[in-house]
């Protein structure tokens, strides 16, 4: 079957990753599916990266985004890598995904185009390489929500139904997600390379510098520059997660992108009631990836990355790597506190701000307050003047915050505007997400999903409709659990 001309769809494919040693990948075509049909397509993203949404939305586009047809200039492959999964090291790889190529946008940006659920690969082990409709719709929804929140993330271009069943606990409708990423180089990719001959990891180091950290090229110590720059990206990313109450759920080293993007949305969720020990993933029984532990796990993953670079760092490599780990702590604390200040409308810096934020979080945990809703109410001034349902501790905190808030040089409008820009009125709340998915997957009704998706595109729009849509629901169970959706 002949390949499609890329000019028909706007694709501009290159395959620079395939210049790496062959141990990093296996060339493979997708396993064809019976009846591909595009059921969800991201027109805005397509235009943003220079693709033609009209052409891609056709049956020919469905054939491409299911892997049934190839595109001239593209070469699909599955990546091999390793990873620490819940602290235990293992050999891994793309067990149900193929990268079909690197698309160069008109502005010169390079994006991996990956098909998730495209069939078995040499890394599938006992898996079938397929994906169910629900998990693919979920990743599309959450990744797009993260993007509109302003958090670095992979994006979702399309969901294609396959016309086939996927068998898990019960039969599911099959689907393939088209993921768009800055790359799929992971900490686990470097861990895999570190077990290979020297030239293998050297080539990966050079490729990563050229693709993601060109500013480090020519530095006296390029590996150290890479480690430090990646530490800063990772620290800032996790600070942004914490600020919106996002719980990734599976921060294994194979799920840590060297591009600094949030990747792999299997068991993730957003907090309702605040508590640092919140865990949603059904397999995280020890709470390793609980909300409050995410910054520490980010540092742990950074240490694993540093270990792969020690071969380049000389006799004092461990000492230099430890200095970067300390730098990560400083960057994270500064970034997180800066965001929390803005969420509280504090446009200047005071020495006691860290205590002020910490006291608020303690009150939230003690009073079982909803994380996002508390900040929205503060933004709206709904706690001003006191409320009968406020605990004494929260009332005392609010008085201290109100004094700190009012003593700034910036005007009230400027302070409130700052809060509105950093406190989303709507997030992918668990009850909304599950309702939308259940309606589509089990009843064929996509309207709740599409409505929620549109709401999530404007998370900082303070209208009555958005505020109502984003409000918490007390009927939602406290013990909500998520799965990886494999």
Protein backbone atom coordinates (compact mmCIF):
# COMPACT_ATOMS: atom_id res chain seq x y z
CA UNK A 1 0.00 0.00 0.00
CA UNK A 2 1.52 3.31 -1.10
CA UNK A 3 2.36 6.05 1.37
CA UNK A 4 0.56 9.40 1.43
CA UNK A 5 2.27 12.57 0.25
CA UNK A 6 3.08 14.68 3.33
CA UNK A 7 2.15 17.88 1.52
CA UNK A 8 -1.50 16.79 1.51
CA UNK A 9 -1.66 16.96 5.29
CA UNK A 10 0.98 19.58 6.06
CA UNK A 11 3.47 17.11 7.51
CA UNK A 12 7.17 17.85 7.23
CA UNK A 13 8.85 14.74 8.55
CA UNK A 14 12.43 14.11 9.55
CA UNK A 15 13.87 11.17 11.47
CA UNK A 16 16.86 12.49 13.39
CA UNK A 17 16.33 10.03 16.26
CA UNK A 18 17.15 7.22 13.85
CA UNK A 19 20.68 8.61 13.50
CA UNK A 20 21.32 7.25 17.00
CA UNK A 21 22.69 3.71 17.43
CA UNK A 22 20.09 1.06 16.59
CA UNK A 23 19.93 -0.19 20.19
CA UNK A 24 17.65 2.78 20.95
CA UNK A 25 14.82 1.71 18.68
CA UNK A 26 13.20 -0.96 16.55
CA UNK A 27 11.88 -0.03 13.11
CA UNK A 28 8.31 -1.26 12.88
CA UNK A 29 5.00 -0.54 11.21
CA UNK A 30 1.76 -0.27 13.14
CA UNK A 31 -0.51 -3.30 13.24
CA UNK A 32 -3.46 -2.41 10.95
CA UNK A 33 -6.88 -1.93 12.50
CA UNK A 34 -10.25 -2.89 11.08
CA UNK A 35 -12.19 0.34 10.73
CA UNK A 36 -10.36 3.52 11.79
CA UNK A 37 -12.44 6.62 12.36
CA UNK A 38 -11.43 9.96 13.90
CA UNK A 39 -13.76 10.66 16.81
CA UNK A 40 -11.82 13.52 18.40
CA UNK A 41 -9.53 15.96 16.63
CA UNK A 42 -7.58 18.94 17.95
CA UNK A 43 -8.05 21.58 15.25
CA UNK A 44 -6.27 24.28 17.27
CA UNK A 45 -3.18 22.14 17.86
CA UNK A 46 -3.07 21.04 14.22
CA UNK A 47 -2.99 24.64 13.07
CA UNK A 48 -0.51 25.60 15.77
CA UNK A 49 2.07 23.12 14.47
CA UNK A 50 1.36 23.72 10.79
CA UNK A 51 -0.87 20.77 9.89
CA UNK A 52 -3.99 20.94 7.72
CA UNK A 53 -6.97 20.02 9.93
CA UNK A 54 -9.37 19.69 7.01
CA UNK A 55 -7.22 17.09 5.23
CA UNK A 56 -6.35 15.23 8.42
CA UNK A 57 -10.02 14.98 9.43
CA UNK A 58 -10.79 12.79 6.39
CA UNK A 59 -10.79 8.97 6.13
CA UNK A 60 -7.26 9.24 4.71
CA UNK A 61 -6.26 11.16 7.82
CA UNK A 62 -7.84 8.44 9.96
CA UNK A 63 -5.78 5.86 8.10
CA UNK A 64 -2.60 7.81 8.87
CA UNK A 65 -3.44 8.45 12.53
CA UNK A 66 -4.28 4.78 13.06
CA UNK A 67 -1.08 3.60 11.39
CA UNK A 68 -2.93 1.88 8.56
CA UNK A 69 -1.21 4.17 6.05
CA UNK A 70 2.21 5.75 6.16
CA UNK A 71 3.38 9.18 5.10
CA UNK A 72 6.25 9.72 2.71
CA UNK A 73 9.37 10.68 4.64
CA UNK A 74 8.16 9.12 7.88
CA UNK A 75 9.68 6.01 9.43
CA UNK A 76 7.83 4.50 12.38
CA UNK A 77 9.68 2.93 15.28
CA UNK A 78 9.34 1.86 18.90
CA UNK A 79 11.85 3.19 21.41
CA UNK A 80 13.79 1.06 23.86
CA UNK A 81 14.61 2.36 27.34
CA UNK A 82 14.91 1.34 30.98
CA UNK A 83 13.39 2.73 34.13
CA UNK A 84 12.88 2.62 37.85
CA UNK A 85 9.25 1.63 38.36
CA UNK A 86 8.24 2.35 41.96
CA UNK A 87 11.93 2.27 42.83
CA UNK A 88 12.78 -1.01 41.07
CA UNK A 89 14.93 -0.99 37.95
CA UNK A 90 13.82 -2.87 34.84
CA UNK A 91 14.25 -2.98 31.06
CA UNK A 92 11.35 -1.39 29.21
CA UNK A 93 10.36 0.18 25.89
CA UNK A 94 7.36 1.34 23.89
CA UNK A 95 5.06 -1.61 24.41
CA UNK A 96 2.05 -0.11 22.65
CA UNK A 97 3.28 3.01 20.88
CA UNK A 98 5.12 3.94 17.70
CA UNK A 99 6.71 7.25 16.84
CA UNK A 100 5.91 7.79 13.16
CA UNK A 101 8.36 10.65 12.74
CA UNK A 102 9.45 14.13 13.76
CA UNK A 103 7.32 16.89 12.31
CA UNK A 104 9.00 20.25 11.73
CA UNK A 105 6.54 23.09 12.12
CA UNK A 106 6.69 26.23 9.93
CA UNK A 107 8.40 28.01 12.85
CA UNK A 108 11.11 25.34 12.98
CA UNK A 109 9.93 23.54 16.11
CA UNK A 110 10.42 19.77 16.12
CA UNK A 111 7.68 17.49 17.44
CA UNK A 112 7.50 13.72 17.82
CA UNK A 113 4.24 12.36 16.41
CA UNK A 114 3.43 9.17 18.28
CA UNK A 115 0.56 6.69 17.94
CA UNK A 116 -0.40 5.18 21.29
CA UNK A 117 -2.29 1.88 21.05
CA UNK A 118 -0.86 1.00 17.63
CA UNK A 119 -0.18 -2.69 18.31
CA UNK A 120 2.46 -5.04 19.63
CA UNK A 121 6.14 -4.18 19.52
CA UNK A 122 9.25 -6.11 20.61
CA UNK A 123 8.85 -4.36 23.99
CA UNK A 124 5.23 -5.42 24.61
CA UNK A 125 6.11 -8.46 26.72
CA UNK A 126 2.73 -10.16 27.31
CA UNK A 127 0.67 -7.10 26.32
CA UNK A 128 -1.40 -6.79 23.16
CA UNK A 129 -0.12 -3.32 22.29
CA UNK A 130 -3.63 -1.92 22.13
CA UNK A 131 -5.52 0.71 24.13
CA UNK A 132 -9.11 1.17 25.22
CA UNK A 133 -11.24 4.15 24.29
CA UNK A 134 -11.68 5.42 27.86
CA UNK A 135 -7.98 5.77 28.75
CA UNK A 136 -7.20 7.46 25.43
CA UNK A 137 -10.03 9.95 25.86
CA UNK A 138 -8.79 10.55 29.40
CA UNK A 139 -5.22 11.33 28.32
CA UNK A 140 -6.51 13.67 25.61
CA UNK A 141 -8.66 15.55 28.14
CA UNK A 142 -6.07 15.84 30.92
CA UNK A 143 -3.13 16.70 28.68
CA UNK A 144 -5.13 19.43 26.95
CA UNK A 145 -6.28 20.76 30.33
CA UNK A 146 -2.66 20.92 31.49
CA UNK A 147 -1.66 22.76 28.34
CA UNK A 148 -4.35 25.39 28.84
CA UNK A 149 -3.31 25.76 32.48
CA UNK A 150 0.07 26.82 31.11
CA UNK A 151 1.96 23.75 32.33
CA UNK A 152 4.54 22.14 30.00
CA UNK A 153 3.02 18.95 28.63
CA UNK A 154 2.74 16.58 25.74
CA UNK A 155 -0.36 17.35 23.69
CA UNK A 156 -3.05 15.25 22.03
CA UNK A 157 -3.84 15.67 18.34
CA UNK A 158 -6.52 13.03 17.85
CA UNK A 159 -8.30 9.94 19.10
CA UNK A 160 -9.14 7.32 16.48
CA UNK A 161 -11.57 4.50 17.12
CA UNK A 162 -10.29 1.24 15.65
CA UNK A 163 -13.51 -0.70 15.08
CA UNK A 164 -12.03 -3.48 17.20
CA UNK A 165 -12.42 -4.67 20.77
CA UNK A 166 -9.70 -4.56 23.40
CA UNK A 167 -10.00 -7.16 26.13
CA UNK A 168 -9.12 -6.28 29.72
CA UNK A 169 -11.42 -7.08 32.66
CA UNK A 170 -14.15 -6.78 30.05
CA UNK A 171 -14.36 -5.88 26.37
CA UNK A 172 -13.59 -2.24 25.54
CA UNK A 173 -13.81 -0.25 22.35
CA UNK A 174 -10.31 0.05 20.89
CA UNK A 175 -8.71 3.44 20.24
CA UNK A 176 -5.42 5.06 19.22
CA UNK A 177 -4.22 8.40 20.59
CA UNK A 178 -1.97 10.69 18.55
CA UNK A 179 0.46 12.26 21.00
CA UNK A 180 2.54 15.32 20.11
CA UNK A 181 5.70 15.77 22.19
CA UNK A 182 8.89 17.82 22.11
CA UNK A 183 10.53 14.39 22.17
CA UNK A 184 10.26 11.06 23.95
CA UNK A 185 13.77 11.09 25.40
CA UNK A 186 13.39 10.04 29.02
CA UNK A 187 15.61 9.64 32.05
CA UNK A 188 15.04 5.95 31.37
CA UNK A 189 16.56 6.39 27.90
CA UNK A 190 19.80 7.53 29.53
CA UNK A 191 19.61 4.69 32.06
CA UNK A 192 19.36 2.25 29.17
CA UNK A 193 22.28 3.91 27.36
CA UNK A 194 24.45 3.81 30.48
CA UNK A 195 24.46 0.00 30.31
CA UNK A 196 25.74 0.07 26.71
CA UNK A 197 29.22 0.77 25.28
CA UNK A 198 30.52 4.31 25.84
CA UNK A 199 29.78 5.55 22.33
CA UNK A 200 26.07 4.79 22.82
CA UNK A 201 25.50 7.16 25.73
CA UNK A 202 27.91 9.67 24.21
CA UNK A 203 25.74 9.83 21.08
CA UNK A 204 22.57 10.21 23.18
CA UNK A 205 24.18 13.00 25.19
CA UNK A 206 25.15 14.86 22.02
CA UNK A 207 21.69 14.36 20.49
CA UNK A 208 19.90 15.59 23.61
CA UNK A 209 22.07 18.69 23.82
CA UNK A 210 21.40 19.54 20.19
CA UNK A 211 17.67 18.91 20.41
CA UNK A 212 16.76 20.34 23.82
CA UNK A 213 19.72 22.17 25.38
CA UNK A 214 21.68 23.90 22.59
CA UNK A 215 22.72 26.59 25.06
CA UNK A 216 24.99 24.03 26.74
CA UNK A 217 26.91 23.25 23.56
CA UNK A 218 30.39 24.71 23.80
CA UNK A 219 30.31 25.04 27.58
CA UNK A 220 33.43 23.90 29.41
CA UNK A 221 31.47 21.05 31.03
CA UNK A 222 28.58 20.19 28.73
CA UNK A 223 27.25 17.19 30.74
CA UNK A 224 27.21 19.27 33.91
CA UNK A 225 25.43 22.07 32.08
CA UNK A 226 22.83 19.59 30.83
CA UNK A 227 22.28 18.19 34.31
CA UNK A 228 21.85 21.62 35.82
CA UNK A 229 19.53 22.86 33.06
CA UNK A 230 17.38 19.75 33.27
CA UNK A 231 17.24 20.08 37.07
CA UNK A 232 15.85 23.58 36.66
CA UNK A 233 13.20 22.48 34.16
CA UNK A 234 12.14 19.59 36.36
CA UNK A 235 11.98 21.73 39.49
CA UNK A 236 9.84 24.36 37.78
CA UNK A 237 7.55 21.73 36.24
CA UNK A 238 6.82 20.02 39.56
CA UNK A 239 6.31 23.38 41.26
CA UNK A 240 3.59 24.06 38.69
CA UNK A 241 2.01 20.65 39.39
CA UNK A 242 1.92 21.39 43.10
CA UNK A 243 0.37 24.80 42.54
CA UNK A 244 -2.71 23.36 40.80
CA UNK A 245 -3.04 20.20 42.91
CA UNK A 246 -1.99 17.78 40.15
CA UNK A 247 -0.99 14.26 41.22
CA UNK A 248 0.92 12.46 38.44
CA UNK A 249 0.64 9.06 40.05
CA UNK A 250 3.46 7.21 38.30
CA UNK A 251 6.67 9.27 38.44
CA UNK A 252 8.88 6.40 37.31
CA UNK A 253 12.11 7.40 35.57
CA UNK A 254 10.73 6.18 32.25
CA UNK A 255 7.96 8.77 32.67
CA UNK A 256 10.34 11.72 33.10
CA UNK A 257 10.88 13.67 29.87
CA UNK A 258 14.25 15.31 29.20
CA UNK A 259 12.30 18.02 27.38
CA UNK A 260 10.77 19.04 30.71
CA UNK A 261 7.20 18.16 29.71
CA UNK A 262 4.56 16.31 31.69
CA UNK A 263 4.24 12.91 30.02
CA UNK A 264 2.18 9.73 30.52
CA UNK A 265 -1.17 10.48 32.10
CA UNK A 266 -2.23 6.97 33.18
CA UNK A 267 -3.30 7.18 36.85
CA UNK A 268 -3.11 10.95 37.32
CA UNK A 269 -5.80 13.08 38.96
CA UNK A 270 -6.35 16.50 40.51
CA UNK A 271 -6.91 16.94 44.23
CA UNK A 272 -10.29 17.91 45.58
CA UNK A 273 -9.86 18.10 49.37
CA UNK A 274 -6.32 19.10 50.21
CA UNK A 275 -3.96 16.73 51.97
CA UNK A 276 -0.26 16.19 51.30
CA UNK A 277 -0.70 12.41 51.47
CA UNK A 278 -3.32 12.24 48.71
CA UNK A 279 -2.81 9.20 46.45
CA UNK A 280 -5.09 8.27 43.56
CA UNK A 281 -3.25 5.45 41.78
CA UNK A 282 -4.62 2.04 42.73
CA UNK A 283 -1.17 0.46 42.40
CA UNK A 284 0.67 3.03 44.55
CA UNK A 285 -0.20 1.21 47.75
CA UNK A 286 2.80 2.59 49.66
CA UNK A 287 2.10 6.18 48.65
CA UNK A 288 5.48 6.64 46.98
CA UNK A 289 4.03 9.12 44.50
CA UNK A 290 1.64 10.90 46.87
CA UNK A 291 1.05 14.60 46.28
CA UNK A 292 3.39 15.93 48.95
CA UNK A 293 6.21 13.60 47.91
CA UNK A 294 6.34 14.67 44.27
CA UNK A 295 9.11 17.28 44.71
CA UNK A 296 11.28 14.71 46.53
CA UNK A 297 10.64 12.09 43.85
CA UNK A 298 11.61 14.66 41.24
CA UNK A 299 14.94 15.01 43.03
CA UNK A 300 15.31 11.22 43.28
CA UNK A 301 14.74 10.89 39.54
CA UNK A 302 17.25 13.67 38.94
CA UNK A 303 19.81 11.69 40.95
CA UNK A 304 19.21 8.66 38.74
CA UNK A 305 19.82 10.85 35.68
CA UNK A 306 22.99 12.24 37.26
CA UNK A 307 24.29 8.69 37.74
CA UNK A 308 24.13 8.09 34.00
CA UNK A 309 26.35 11.14 33.38
CA UNK A 310 29.06 10.36 35.93
CA UNK A 311 31.17 8.71 33.25
CA UNK A 312 31.64 12.18 31.71
CA UNK A 313 32.27 14.10 34.93
CA UNK A 314 35.71 13.07 36.14
CA UNK A 315 36.87 12.25 39.66
CA UNK A 316 34.76 14.93 41.32
CA UNK A 317 31.60 13.94 39.45
CA UNK A 318 29.67 12.83 42.53
CA UNK A 319 30.43 16.09 44.31
CA UNK A 320 29.33 18.14 41.30
CA UNK A 321 26.17 16.08 40.91
CA UNK A 322 25.27 16.59 44.57
CA UNK A 323 25.65 20.33 44.08
CA UNK A 324 23.07 20.14 41.29
CA UNK A 325 20.69 18.23 43.56
CA UNK A 326 21.00 21.05 46.10
CA UNK A 327 20.42 23.53 43.28
CA UNK A 328 17.22 21.65 42.39
CA UNK A 329 15.95 22.18 45.94
CA UNK A 330 16.60 25.92 45.76
CA UNK A 331 15.00 26.31 42.34
CA UNK A 332 11.94 24.31 43.37
CA UNK A 333 11.39 26.25 46.58
CA UNK A 334 11.81 29.61 44.86
CA UNK A 335 9.52 28.68 41.97
CA UNK A 336 6.82 27.13 44.16
CA UNK A 337 6.81 30.00 46.66
CA UNK A 338 6.70 32.50 43.82
CA UNK A 339 3.63 30.82 42.32
CA UNK A 340 1.94 30.55 45.71
CA UNK A 341 2.55 34.25 46.34
CA UNK A 342 0.83 35.06 43.06
CA UNK A 343 -2.07 32.75 43.94
CA UNK A 344 -2.49 34.81 47.11
CA UNK A 345 -2.19 38.13 45.30
CA UNK A 346 1.17 38.96 46.86
CA UNK A 347 3.11 40.92 44.27
CA UNK A 348 6.08 41.68 46.49
CA UNK A 349 8.20 39.46 48.74
CA UNK A 350 8.22 39.32 52.53
CA UNK A 351 10.32 37.07 54.71
CA UNK A 352 7.28 35.51 56.38
CA UNK A 353 5.52 34.48 53.16
CA UNK A 354 6.66 30.86 53.37
CA UNK A 355 5.12 30.54 56.84
CA UNK A 356 1.93 32.22 55.62
CA UNK A 357 1.57 29.70 52.79
CA UNK A 358 2.45 26.76 55.02
CA UNK A 359 -0.15 27.79 57.59
CA UNK A 360 -2.81 28.00 54.89
CA UNK A 361 -2.03 24.49 53.67
CA UNK A 362 -2.13 23.17 57.24
CA UNK A 363 -5.57 24.76 57.69
CA UNK A 364 -6.75 23.22 54.43
CA UNK A 365 -5.62 19.77 55.56
CA UNK A 366 -7.11 20.08 59.05
CA UNK A 367 -10.43 21.46 57.78
CA UNK A 368 -10.63 19.16 54.71
CA UNK A 369 -10.95 22.17 52.44
CA UNK A 370 -11.06 21.85 48.68
CA UNK A 371 -7.70 22.99 47.30
CA UNK A 372 -8.76 24.80 44.12
CA UNK A 373 -12.04 26.08 45.52
CA UNK A 374 -10.30 27.71 48.49
CA UNK A 375 -8.11 29.78 46.18
CA UNK A 376 -11.08 30.68 43.97
CA UNK A 377 -13.02 31.90 47.00
CA UNK A 378 -10.03 33.93 48.17
CA UNK A 379 -9.81 35.46 44.71
CA UNK A 380 -13.50 36.36 44.79
CA UNK A 381 -13.24 37.79 48.30
CA UNK A 382 -15.83 35.33 49.61
CA UNK A 383 -14.00 34.85 52.90
CA UNK A 384 -13.84 38.58 53.58
CA UNK A 385 -15.69 39.62 56.72
CA UNK A 386 -15.60 36.09 58.12
CA UNK A 387 -17.93 33.13 57.63
CA UNK A 388 -19.69 30.91 60.11
CA UNK A 389 -18.13 27.78 58.59
CA UNK A 390 -14.55 29.01 59.05
CA UNK A 391 -12.49 27.31 61.75
CA UNK A 392 -10.71 29.51 64.25
CA UNK A 393 -7.36 28.53 62.76
CA UNK A 394 -8.48 29.45 59.25
CA UNK A 395 -10.07 32.68 60.49
CA UNK A 396 -6.79 33.64 62.16
CA UNK A 397 -4.86 32.80 58.99
CA UNK A 398 -7.27 34.84 56.86
CA UNK A 399 -6.78 37.89 59.07
CA UNK A 400 -3.00 37.60 58.71
CA UNK A 401 -3.28 37.18 54.93
CA UNK A 402 -5.74 40.07 54.56
CA UNK A 403 -3.32 42.36 56.40
CA UNK A 404 -0.39 41.22 54.26
CA UNK A 405 -2.54 41.53 51.11
CA UNK A 406 -3.67 45.08 51.88
CA UNK A 407 -0.28 46.53 52.79
CA UNK A 408 1.14 46.30 49.26
CA UNK A 409 1.87 49.22 46.96
CA UNK A 410 0.02 47.59 44.06
CA UNK A 411 -3.64 48.53 43.71
CA UNK A 412 -6.51 46.19 44.54
CA UNK A 413 -7.40 45.58 40.88
CA UNK A 414 -3.83 44.58 40.07
CA UNK A 415 -3.70 42.21 43.02
CA UNK A 416 -7.06 40.59 42.17
CA UNK A 417 -6.07 40.26 38.52
CA UNK A 418 -2.89 38.49 39.57
CA UNK A 419 -4.93 36.01 41.60
CA UNK A 420 -7.34 35.39 38.73
CA UNK A 421 -4.43 34.60 36.42
CA UNK A 422 -3.02 31.98 38.79
CA UNK A 423 -6.11 30.39 40.37
CA UNK A 424 -8.05 28.33 37.84
CA UNK A 425 -11.81 28.31 38.32
CA UNK A 426 -12.01 24.92 36.64
CA UNK A 427 -9.73 21.90 36.63
CA UNK A 428 -10.42 18.32 35.46
CA UNK A 429 -12.29 17.39 38.62
CA UNK A 430 -12.62 13.66 39.12
CA UNK A 431 -16.42 13.59 39.15
CA UNK A 432 -16.61 15.60 35.93
CA UNK A 433 -13.97 13.49 34.18
CA UNK A 434 -15.55 10.18 35.15
CA UNK A 435 -19.05 11.33 34.20
CA UNK A 436 -17.84 12.53 30.81
CA UNK A 437 -15.93 9.31 30.11
CA UNK A 438 -18.73 7.02 31.25
CA UNK A 439 -21.28 8.82 29.11
CA UNK A 440 -19.14 8.52 26.00
CA UNK A 441 -17.69 5.03 26.50
CA UNK A 442 -20.77 3.23 27.83
CA UNK A 443 -23.65 5.26 26.42
CA UNK A 444 -22.24 6.71 23.23
CA UNK A 445 -23.02 10.25 24.42
CA UNK A 446 -20.03 12.53 23.82
CA UNK A 447 -21.76 15.79 24.77
CA UNK A 448 -20.65 15.93 28.45
CA UNK A 449 -17.07 15.25 27.35
CA UNK A 450 -17.07 17.92 24.65
CA UNK A 451 -18.65 20.45 27.01
CA UNK A 452 -16.06 19.73 29.70
CA UNK A 453 -13.26 19.99 27.14
CA UNK A 454 -14.44 23.45 26.10
CA UNK A 455 -14.66 24.58 29.74
CA UNK A 456 -11.11 23.37 30.39
CA UNK A 457 -9.79 25.49 27.54
CA UNK A 458 -10.50 28.64 29.59
CA UNK A 459 -9.48 27.73 33.15
CA UNK A 460 -8.84 31.33 34.22
CA UNK A 461 -12.09 32.82 32.90
CA UNK A 462 -14.06 34.05 35.91
CA UNK A 463 -17.65 33.80 34.67
CA UNK A 464 -20.64 32.40 36.55
CA UNK A 465 -20.81 29.45 34.15
CA UNK A 466 -17.13 28.56 34.51
CA UNK A 467 -17.22 28.93 38.30
CA UNK A 468 -20.31 26.74 38.56
CA UNK A 469 -18.83 24.11 36.24
CA UNK A 470 -15.62 24.00 38.27
CA UNK A 471 -17.21 23.81 41.70
CA UNK A 472 -16.50 20.76 43.90
CA UNK A 473 -19.19 18.17 44.56
CA UNK A 474 -19.48 16.83 48.11
CA UNK A 475 -21.15 13.66 46.83
CA UNK A 476 -17.91 12.52 45.18
CA UNK A 477 -16.21 9.66 47.11
CA UNK A 478 -13.10 10.51 49.10
CA UNK A 479 -11.42 7.21 48.17
CA UNK A 480 -11.42 7.77 44.40
CA UNK A 481 -8.84 5.55 42.67
CA UNK A 482 -7.31 5.64 39.21
CA UNK A 483 -5.64 2.99 37.06
CA UNK A 484 -2.96 3.10 34.36
CA UNK A 485 -5.51 2.15 31.72
CA UNK A 486 -3.26 -0.44 30.11
